[in-house]
Amino acid sequence: MKAWRAERFGEAIEVLHQVEAPVPQPSGAQIQVKVRATGVGLPDVLMLRGVYPAVAAPPVTPGQEAVGVVSAVGPEATVKIGERVMTSTLFAQGAGGFAEYTLAASASALSVPANFSDEEGAGFYVAYHTGYVGLVQRGQLQAGETLLVLGGAGSSGSAAIMLGKALGATVIATASNAEKAAFCAGLGADHVINYHDTPIHKAVREITGGAGANVVYDPVGGSAYEAATKCIAQHGRIVMIGYGSGTWPKIDPLHAVLKSYSLVGAFAGARTAAETHAQHAHLVQLAEAGKIRVPIDKVFDFGHVPQAIDRLAKGETLGKVVVRV
């Protein structure tokens, strides 16, 4: 089969090459998936650069989430051959999603919303499951509260905007330019802050009449996190998702104590299988009701995987980048 692999760390455009590889065979509770589409995410950029914890050494086989049809199963698998599924892949074990076939744990294989294309499904799993864990399970976002989404134009941020609106929150999103601000508004954000024009904390205070944001969804880190701490409401929750800026937040415990807000970590991989399937059922209901969707930035063909990852690495995206396999 054709697959993409890097034998050394570096930028995708430099180190990623298409190779001929054996079709991976499932064992135990694993499933083999004939891939139709694969989502491009920040972890792909980071693992190729050698700064992603799950991939300690080359070779690197990126592609964390995919949609396809189950083509073979291990003896302990709970999924049937022929099912169309979205899933996280076993990329850390050499079976990434940028390949004609991949492997996944059968427990991570989930149904695709009936109204979704393969490309939309390929961008749903990581963004929306992380969003659900962050906003619902960990952030405890309530209807009527104010949600601040940092990095609203990215795949994580755009999912958080729509999920926040579906949950009944007032959503404030941040963006780095006018084009990205317009994109966030088109997703349903009630307010959008172009932080190159107005400091985030000043804008949030003005929008909320000084009360601040009840929940901050932070896939960015760095200076954006610092700005969020200046406009968090009393007893608010800052949900830490990732570090799209390249820098994790610098935590000031004393500030958190004196301002009485919580710092909450959210990682979808830390759930039980029962939690995953229950949360997915709720997300599918919202998707099939048209309340949440996957905004596709650009679909690349299989021969241009390095360019797809490079587009994300450069911060040029509006929504989700997808590769059609």
Protein backbone atom coordinates (compact mmCIF):
# COMPACT_ATOMS: atom_id res chain seq x y z
CA MET A 1 0.00 0.00 0.00
CA LYS A 2 0.97 3.67 -0.32
CA ALA A 3 1.71 5.51 2.92
CA TRP A 4 3.50 8.63 4.13
CA ARG A 5 6.45 8.34 6.50
CA ALA A 6 9.35 10.43 7.82
CA GLU A 7 12.64 8.77 8.70
CA ARG A 8 13.88 11.84 10.59
CA PHE A 9 12.38 14.79 12.43
CA GLY A 10 11.77 18.09 10.66
CA GLU A 11 9.19 20.07 8.71
CA ALA A 12 6.68 17.99 6.77
CA ILE A 13 7.60 19.53 3.45
CA GLU A 14 11.23 18.41 3.96
CA VAL A 15 11.07 15.02 5.70
CA LEU A 16 7.79 13.36 4.73
CA HIS A 17 7.93 10.90 1.83
CA GLN A 18 5.50 8.50 0.22
CA VAL A 19 6.56 4.87 0.55
CA GLU A 20 5.34 1.41 -0.33
CA ALA A 21 4.53 -0.45 2.89
CA PRO A 22 2.87 -3.71 3.88
CA VAL A 23 -0.83 -3.49 4.66
CA PRO A 24 -1.01 -3.54 8.49
CA GLN A 25 -2.84 -6.50 9.96
CA PRO A 26 -5.03 -6.18 13.07
CA SER A 27 -4.53 -8.28 16.18
CA GLY A 28 -6.41 -8.56 19.46
CA ALA A 29 -9.07 -5.85 19.62
CA GLN A 30 -7.62 -3.87 16.71
CA ILE A 31 -9.35 -3.12 13.42
CA GLN A 32 -7.98 -2.43 9.96
CA VAL A 33 -9.57 0.53 8.17
CA LYS A 34 -9.47 1.26 4.44
CA VAL A 35 -8.99 5.00 4.67
CA ARG A 36 -11.19 7.43 2.76
CA ALA A 37 -10.14 10.73 4.37
CA THR A 38 -7.72 11.85 7.07
CA GLY A 39 -7.79 15.00 9.17
CA VAL A 40 -4.68 17.16 9.55
CA GLY A 41 -4.01 18.36 13.09
CA LEU A 42 -1.37 20.17 15.13
CA PRO A 43 -0.13 16.82 16.54
CA ASP A 44 0.97 15.92 12.99
CA VAL A 45 3.15 19.03 12.88
CA LEU A 46 4.54 18.41 16.35
CA MET A 47 5.32 14.71 15.92
CA LEU A 48 7.19 15.41 12.69
CA ARG A 49 9.21 18.07 14.50
CA GLY A 50 10.02 15.63 17.30
CA VAL A 51 8.22 17.51 20.06
CA TYR A 52 5.14 15.31 20.51
CA PRO A 53 5.26 13.05 23.60
CA ALA A 54 3.63 10.03 21.95
CA VAL A 55 6.31 9.80 19.24
CA ALA A 56 9.75 9.66 20.84
CA ALA A 57 11.83 8.65 17.81
CA PRO A 58 11.54 8.25 14.01
CA PRO A 59 10.14 6.83 11.87
CA VAL A 60 7.06 9.05 12.08
CA THR A 61 3.72 7.99 10.57
CA PRO A 62 1.40 10.98 11.02
CA GLY A 63 -2.37 11.06 10.68
CA GLN A 64 -4.16 10.99 14.02
CA GLU A 65 -7.79 10.76 12.88
CA ALA A 66 -9.41 9.15 9.87
CA VAL A 67 -12.66 8.05 8.29
CA GLY A 68 -13.00 4.84 6.34
CA VAL A 69 -14.52 1.40 6.11
CA VAL A 70 -13.52 -1.47 8.39
CA SER A 71 -11.74 -3.97 6.16
CA ALA A 72 -10.42 -6.53 8.67
CA VAL A 73 -10.71 -7.15 12.41
CA GLY A 74 -8.73 -8.82 15.16
CA PRO A 75 -10.25 -11.75 17.04
CA GLU A 76 -11.28 -9.58 20.00
CA ALA A 77 -12.64 -6.62 18.02
CA THR A 78 -16.19 -5.42 18.62
CA VAL A 79 -16.62 -3.74 15.22
CA LYS A 80 -17.86 -5.48 12.09
CA ILE A 81 -16.23 -5.56 8.65
CA GLY A 82 -17.96 -3.14 6.30
CA GLU A 83 -18.85 -0.49 8.90
CA ARG A 84 -18.10 3.14 8.03
CA VAL A 85 -16.31 4.64 11.00
CA MET A 86 -14.38 7.64 12.24
CA THR A 87 -11.51 6.77 14.51
CA SER A 88 -8.23 7.76 16.07
CA THR A 89 -5.40 5.75 14.55
CA LEU A 90 -2.48 3.83 16.00
CA PHE A 91 -0.06 6.40 14.56
CA ALA A 92 2.32 6.04 17.53
CA GLN A 93 2.66 2.35 16.66
CA GLY A 94 3.46 3.02 13.02
CA ALA A 95 -0.07 3.02 11.56
CA GLY A 96 -0.93 6.63 10.78
CA GLY A 97 -3.92 7.84 8.82
CA PHE A 98 -2.02 9.15 5.79
CA ALA A 99 -2.05 5.71 4.21
CA GLU A 100 -4.38 3.56 2.17
CA TYR A 101 -4.95 1.36 5.24
CA THR A 102 -4.53 2.09 8.94
CA LEU A 103 -5.06 0.38 12.28
CA ALA A 104 -7.17 1.50 15.22
CA ALA A 105 -8.44 0.15 18.51
CA SER A 106 -11.98 -1.09 18.01
CA ALA A 107 -13.07 0.88 21.10
CA SER A 108 -12.12 4.11 19.33
CA ALA A 109 -14.16 3.36 16.19
CA LEU A 110 -17.27 5.54 16.21
CA SER A 111 -20.21 6.12 13.89
CA VAL A 112 -20.13 8.96 11.37
CA PRO A 113 -23.11 11.38 11.50
CA ALA A 114 -25.50 10.45 8.70
CA ASN A 115 -25.35 13.92 7.16
CA PHE A 116 -21.54 14.08 7.07
CA SER A 117 -19.23 13.52 4.12
CA ASP A 118 -16.05 11.52 4.63
CA GLU A 119 -14.08 14.76 4.71
CA GLU A 120 -16.30 16.26 7.41
CA GLY A 121 -16.09 13.08 9.43
CA ALA A 122 -12.29 13.13 9.20
CA GLY A 123 -12.25 16.51 10.95
CA PHE A 124 -14.76 15.69 13.68
CA TYR A 125 -13.20 13.22 16.09
CA VAL A 126 -10.33 15.13 17.67
CA ALA A 127 -11.79 18.65 17.57
CA TYR A 128 -15.25 17.81 18.87
CA HIS A 129 -14.33 15.13 21.37
CA THR A 130 -11.67 17.41 22.82
CA GLY A 131 -14.24 20.21 22.81
CA TYR A 132 -16.80 18.09 24.61
CA VAL A 133 -14.34 16.97 27.28
CA GLY A 134 -13.11 20.53 27.69
CA LEU A 135 -16.41 22.40 27.72
CA VAL A 136 -18.85 19.88 29.17
CA GLN A 137 -16.98 17.29 31.24
CA ARG A 138 -14.14 19.44 32.59
CA GLY A 139 -15.20 23.06 32.08
CA GLN A 140 -18.79 22.49 33.22
CA LEU A 141 -20.05 25.18 30.81
CA GLN A 142 -23.64 26.17 31.57
CA ALA A 143 -26.28 27.76 29.35
CA GLY A 144 -26.19 31.52 29.80
CA GLU A 145 -22.50 31.66 30.70
CA THR A 146 -19.86 33.50 28.68
CA LEU A 147 -17.29 31.38 26.85
CA LEU A 148 -14.03 32.85 25.54
CA VAL A 149 -12.49 30.76 22.74
CA LEU A 150 -8.84 31.50 22.00
CA GLY A 151 -7.69 30.81 18.45
CA GLY A 152 -11.22 30.64 17.09
CA ALA A 153 -10.27 30.12 13.44
CA GLY A 154 -8.42 26.84 14.00
CA SER A 155 -10.03 23.40 13.99
CA SER A 156 -10.15 23.21 17.80
CA GLY A 157 -11.37 26.77 18.19
CA SER A 158 -14.02 26.56 15.48
CA ALA A 159 -15.44 23.39 17.07
CA ALA A 160 -15.51 25.10 20.48
CA ILE A 161 -17.38 28.09 19.05
CA MET A 162 -20.14 25.94 17.57
CA LEU A 163 -20.33 23.55 20.51
CA GLY A 164 -20.47 26.49 22.93
CA LYS A 165 -23.39 27.99 21.01
CA ALA A 166 -25.15 24.62 20.89
CA LEU A 167 -24.82 24.44 24.70
CA GLY A 168 -26.44 27.86 25.11
CA ALA A 169 -23.39 30.00 25.94
CA THR A 170 -22.56 33.50 24.78
CA VAL A 171 -19.39 32.99 22.76
CA ILE A 172 -16.49 35.41 22.37
CA ALA A 173 -13.78 34.28 19.94
CA THR A 174 -10.32 35.66 19.25
CA ALA A 175 -8.65 35.92 15.85
CA SER A 176 -5.41 37.32 14.47
CA ASN A 177 -6.77 39.19 11.45
CA ALA A 178 -9.95 40.45 9.80
CA GLU A 179 -10.39 37.37 7.60
CA LYS A 180 -10.21 35.01 10.56
CA ALA A 181 -12.51 37.28 12.58
CA ALA A 182 -15.13 37.16 9.84
CA PHE A 183 -14.79 33.37 9.73
CA CYS A 184 -15.45 33.11 13.49
CA ALA A 185 -18.49 35.35 13.18
CA GLY A 186 -19.78 33.12 10.39
CA LEU A 187 -19.57 30.13 12.74
CA GLY A 188 -21.91 31.87 15.16
CA ALA A 189 -19.61 33.64 17.61
CA ASP A 190 -21.52 36.44 19.31
CA HIS A 191 -18.42 38.62 19.53
CA VAL A 192 -15.04 38.38 17.82
CA ILE A 193 -11.85 40.09 18.99
CA ASN A 194 -9.14 40.87 16.45
CA TYR A 195 -6.33 40.97 18.98
CA HIS A 196 -4.02 42.85 16.64
CA ASP A 197 -6.43 45.78 16.95
CA THR A 198 -7.62 45.41 20.56
CA PRO A 199 -6.04 43.59 23.54
CA ILE A 200 -8.03 40.49 24.42
CA HIS A 201 -8.54 41.29 28.10
CA LYS A 202 -9.71 44.84 27.45
CA ALA A 203 -12.21 43.71 24.81
CA VAL A 204 -13.61 40.92 27.00
CA ARG A 205 -14.08 43.26 29.93
CA GLU A 206 -15.91 45.73 27.72
CA ILE A 207 -18.14 43.05 26.17
CA THR A 208 -19.04 41.55 29.56
CA GLY A 209 -19.46 44.83 31.41
CA GLY A 210 -16.45 44.02 33.54
CA ALA A 211 -17.69 40.58 34.66
CA GLY A 212 -15.26 38.59 32.52
CA ALA A 213 -15.55 35.17 30.86
CA ASN A 214 -16.90 32.25 32.88
CA VAL A 215 -15.02 29.67 30.82
CA VAL A 216 -11.90 30.09 28.67
CA TYR A 217 -11.14 27.43 26.07
CA ASP A 218 -7.41 27.59 25.39
CA PRO A 219 -5.76 25.55 22.62
CA VAL A 220 -3.21 28.35 22.15
CA GLY A 221 -1.23 28.93 25.36
CA GLY A 222 1.51 31.55 25.47
CA SER A 223 0.52 35.20 25.67
CA ALA A 224 -3.11 34.41 24.84
CA TYR A 225 -3.41 32.46 28.09
CA GLU A 226 -1.87 35.35 30.00
CA ALA A 227 -4.43 37.73 28.48
CA ALA A 228 -7.25 35.35 29.45
CA THR A 229 -6.18 35.39 33.10
CA LYS A 230 -6.75 39.15 33.07
CA CYS A 231 -10.39 38.79 32.04
CA ILE A 232 -11.55 35.58 33.72
CA ALA A 233 -14.70 35.91 35.82
CA GLN A 234 -14.70 35.16 39.53
CA HIS A 235 -14.94 31.38 39.99
CA GLY A 236 -14.26 30.99 36.26
CA ARG A 237 -12.55 28.02 34.62
CA ILE A 238 -9.63 28.13 32.17
CA VAL A 239 -9.60 24.90 30.19
CA MET A 240 -6.12 24.11 28.90
CA ILE A 241 -6.19 22.14 25.65
CA GLY A 242 -2.87 22.68 23.93
CA TYR A 243 -0.20 25.09 22.86
CA GLY A 244 -0.81 26.15 19.28
CA SER A 245 1.40 29.20 19.91
CA GLY A 246 4.35 26.90 20.50
CA THR A 247 4.53 27.69 24.21
CA TRP A 248 2.64 26.20 27.14
CA PRO A 249 1.08 28.71 29.57
CA LYS A 250 3.17 30.05 32.42
CA ILE A 251 1.02 29.31 35.45
CA ASP A 252 0.88 31.79 38.33
CA PRO A 253 -0.73 29.90 41.25
CA LEU A 254 -0.97 33.00 43.43
CA HIS A 255 -2.91 34.85 40.75
CA ALA A 256 -5.32 31.92 40.41
CA VAL A 257 -5.85 31.90 44.17
CA LEU A 258 -6.38 35.64 44.54
CA LYS A 259 -8.71 35.84 41.52
CA SER A 260 -10.46 32.60 42.51
CA TYR A 261 -10.44 30.80 39.16
CA SER A 262 -9.70 27.19 38.24
CA LEU A 263 -7.12 25.79 35.84
CA VAL A 264 -8.48 22.66 34.21
CA GLY A 265 -6.67 20.22 31.96
CA ALA A 266 -8.67 18.45 29.26
CA PHE A 267 -7.50 15.41 27.29
CA ALA A 268 -9.96 13.24 25.38
CA GLY A 269 -7.61 10.27 25.62
CA ALA A 270 -8.09 10.10 29.39
CA ARG A 271 -11.73 8.93 29.17
CA THR A 272 -13.20 5.50 29.61
CA ALA A 273 -14.71 3.76 26.60
CA ALA A 274 -18.17 4.22 28.11
CA GLU A 275 -17.62 7.97 28.49
CA THR A 276 -16.35 8.21 24.92
CA HIS A 277 -19.38 6.47 23.42
CA ALA A 278 -21.90 8.38 25.55
CA GLN A 279 -20.34 11.72 24.64
CA HIS A 280 -20.17 10.75 20.97
CA ALA A 281 -23.87 9.91 20.96
CA HIS A 282 -24.65 13.44 22.18
CA LEU A 283 -22.32 14.96 19.58
CA VAL A 284 -23.93 12.94 16.78
CA GLN A 285 -27.36 14.21 17.86
CA LEU A 286 -26.11 17.79 17.66
CA ALA A 287 -24.45 17.16 14.28
CA GLU A 288 -27.47 15.48 12.72
CA ALA A 289 -29.66 18.32 14.02
CA GLY A 290 -27.42 20.78 12.20
CA LYS A 291 -26.22 22.50 15.39
CA ILE A 292 -22.54 21.65 14.89
CA ARG A 293 -20.52 20.97 11.74
CA VAL A 294 -16.95 20.76 10.49
CA PRO A 295 -15.85 23.82 8.52
CA ILE A 296 -13.44 22.54 5.90
CA ASP A 297 -10.52 24.84 5.14
CA LYS A 298 -9.13 22.90 2.20
CA VAL A 299 -9.13 19.32 0.94
CA PHE A 300 -5.81 18.04 -0.42
CA ASP A 301 -5.37 14.93 -2.51
CA PHE A 302 -3.26 12.06 -1.22
CA GLY A 303 -0.21 13.11 -3.20
CA HIS A 304 0.03 16.41 -1.34
CA VAL A 305 0.11 15.37 2.33
CA PRO A 306 3.29 17.37 3.08
CA GLN A 307 1.67 20.51 1.67
CA ALA A 308 -1.47 19.90 3.73
CA ILE A 309 0.51 19.64 6.97
CA ASP A 310 2.66 22.62 5.98
CA ARG A 311 -0.46 24.75 5.49
CA LEU A 312 -1.47 24.07 9.07
CA ALA A 313 2.07 24.61 10.37
CA LYS A 314 2.11 28.08 8.80
CA GLY A 315 -1.15 29.09 10.52
CA GLU A 316 -2.92 29.71 7.22
CA THR A 317 -6.05 27.70 7.95
CA LEU A 318 -9.67 28.65 8.46
CA GLY A 319 -11.17 25.50 9.97
CA LYS A 320 -10.04 21.95 9.24
CA VAL A 321 -7.52 20.76 6.66
CA VAL A 322 -8.33 17.31 5.27
CA VAL A 323 -6.62 14.83 2.95
CA ARG A 324 -8.79 12.71 0.67
CA VAL A 325 -7.27 9.23 0.46
